[in-house]
Amino acid sequence: MQRITLNISNISQVLKLDKELIGTSGYMGIAYFWNYEYRNFLRDASIGKRKKIHRAFYKRGLQLDGVSDSHLEIIKSNI
């Protein structure tokens, strides 16, 4: 397996790409997509958990940056 060295420029490019992928199946779990209301739950969540929650919001037809009991239920059941 080839090793890739990341510098600040590379990381910035990956974050920019992930922001563009919010709302798609290609979302990588790096960029923030959630409402400010859920910041304490999700900002420190692992990439895998972010992807799982993003996918659950998307599958249930919820606004990715919305606020509702359904959003909170999904977040709490996946953290």
Protein backbone atom coordinates (compact mmCIF):
# COMPACT_ATOMS: atom_id res chain seq x y z
CA MET A 1 0.00 0.00 0.00
CA GLN A 2 1.33 3.43 -0.90
CA ARG A 3 1.59 6.02 1.85
CA ILE A 4 0.27 9.51 1.22
CA THR A 5 1.70 12.44 3.12
CA LEU A 6 -0.85 15.11 3.93
CA ASN A 7 0.10 18.73 4.37
CA ILE A 8 -2.19 21.66 5.17
CA SER A 9 -2.89 22.28 1.49
CA ASN A 10 -3.93 18.65 0.92
CA ILE A 11 -6.12 18.63 4.00
CA SER A 12 -7.80 21.84 2.89
CA GLN A 13 -8.52 20.31 -0.51
CA VAL A 14 -9.98 17.16 1.03
CA LEU A 15 -12.23 19.25 3.30
CA LYS A 16 -13.39 21.33 0.34
CA LEU A 17 -14.20 18.18 -1.63
CA ASP A 18 -16.09 16.66 1.29
CA LYS A 19 -18.19 19.83 1.65
CA GLU A 20 -19.20 19.34 -1.99
CA LEU A 21 -20.12 15.72 -1.25
CA ILE A 22 -22.55 16.54 1.56
CA GLY A 23 -25.92 15.09 0.57
CA THR A 24 -24.40 12.35 -1.58
CA SER A 25 -23.30 8.79 -0.96
CA GLY A 26 -19.71 9.98 -1.44
CA TYR A 27 -19.66 12.01 1.79
CA MET A 28 -16.42 11.10 3.61
CA GLY A 29 -17.34 12.17 7.16
CA ILE A 30 -14.94 15.09 7.44
CA ALA A 31 -17.00 18.21 6.70
CA TYR A 32 -19.69 19.49 9.05
CA PHE A 33 -23.24 19.06 7.71
CA TRP A 34 -25.37 19.28 10.85
CA ASN A 35 -27.29 22.08 12.49
CA TYR A 36 -25.57 24.14 15.19
CA GLU A 37 -28.07 22.62 17.65
CA TYR A 38 -26.21 19.29 17.44
CA ARG A 39 -22.65 20.62 17.58
CA ASN A 40 -21.90 19.08 20.98
CA PHE A 41 -22.92 15.64 19.77
CA LEU A 42 -21.22 15.61 16.39
CA ARG A 43 -18.14 17.82 16.26
CA ASP A 44 -16.04 15.22 18.10
CA ALA A 45 -17.78 12.20 16.56
CA SER A 46 -15.66 9.79 14.56
CA ILE A 47 -15.68 9.90 10.79
CA GLY A 48 -17.55 6.60 10.74
CA LYS A 49 -20.27 7.88 13.06
CA ARG A 50 -20.67 11.08 11.05
CA LYS A 51 -21.05 9.05 7.86
CA LYS A 52 -23.60 6.75 9.50
CA ILE A 53 -25.69 9.68 10.79
CA HIS A 54 -25.44 11.50 7.44
CA ARG A 55 -26.64 8.36 5.65
CA ALA A 56 -29.52 7.90 8.14
CA PHE A 57 -30.68 11.52 7.70
CA TYR A 58 -30.50 11.13 3.93
CA LYS A 59 -32.39 7.81 3.88
CA ARG A 60 -35.19 9.21 6.05
CA GLY A 61 -35.51 12.27 3.83
CA LEU A 62 -34.49 14.68 6.59
CA GLN A 63 -32.83 18.00 5.90
CA LEU A 64 -29.19 17.37 6.68
CA ASP A 65 -28.92 20.64 8.59
CA GLY A 66 -32.40 20.47 10.06
CA VAL A 67 -33.59 20.22 13.66
CA SER A 68 -36.27 17.78 14.80
CA ASP A 69 -36.98 14.96 17.21
CA SER A 70 -36.11 12.55 14.37
CA HIS A 71 -32.69 14.15 13.93
CA LEU A 72 -31.93 13.88 17.63
CA GLU A 73 -33.18 10.30 17.79
CA ILE A 74 -30.84 9.27 14.94
CA ILE A 75 -27.89 11.11 16.48
CA LYS A 76 -28.39 9.62 19.95
CA SER A 77 -28.83 6.10 18.60
CA ASN A 78 -25.59 6.32 16.59
CA ILE A 79 -23.23 8.07 19.01
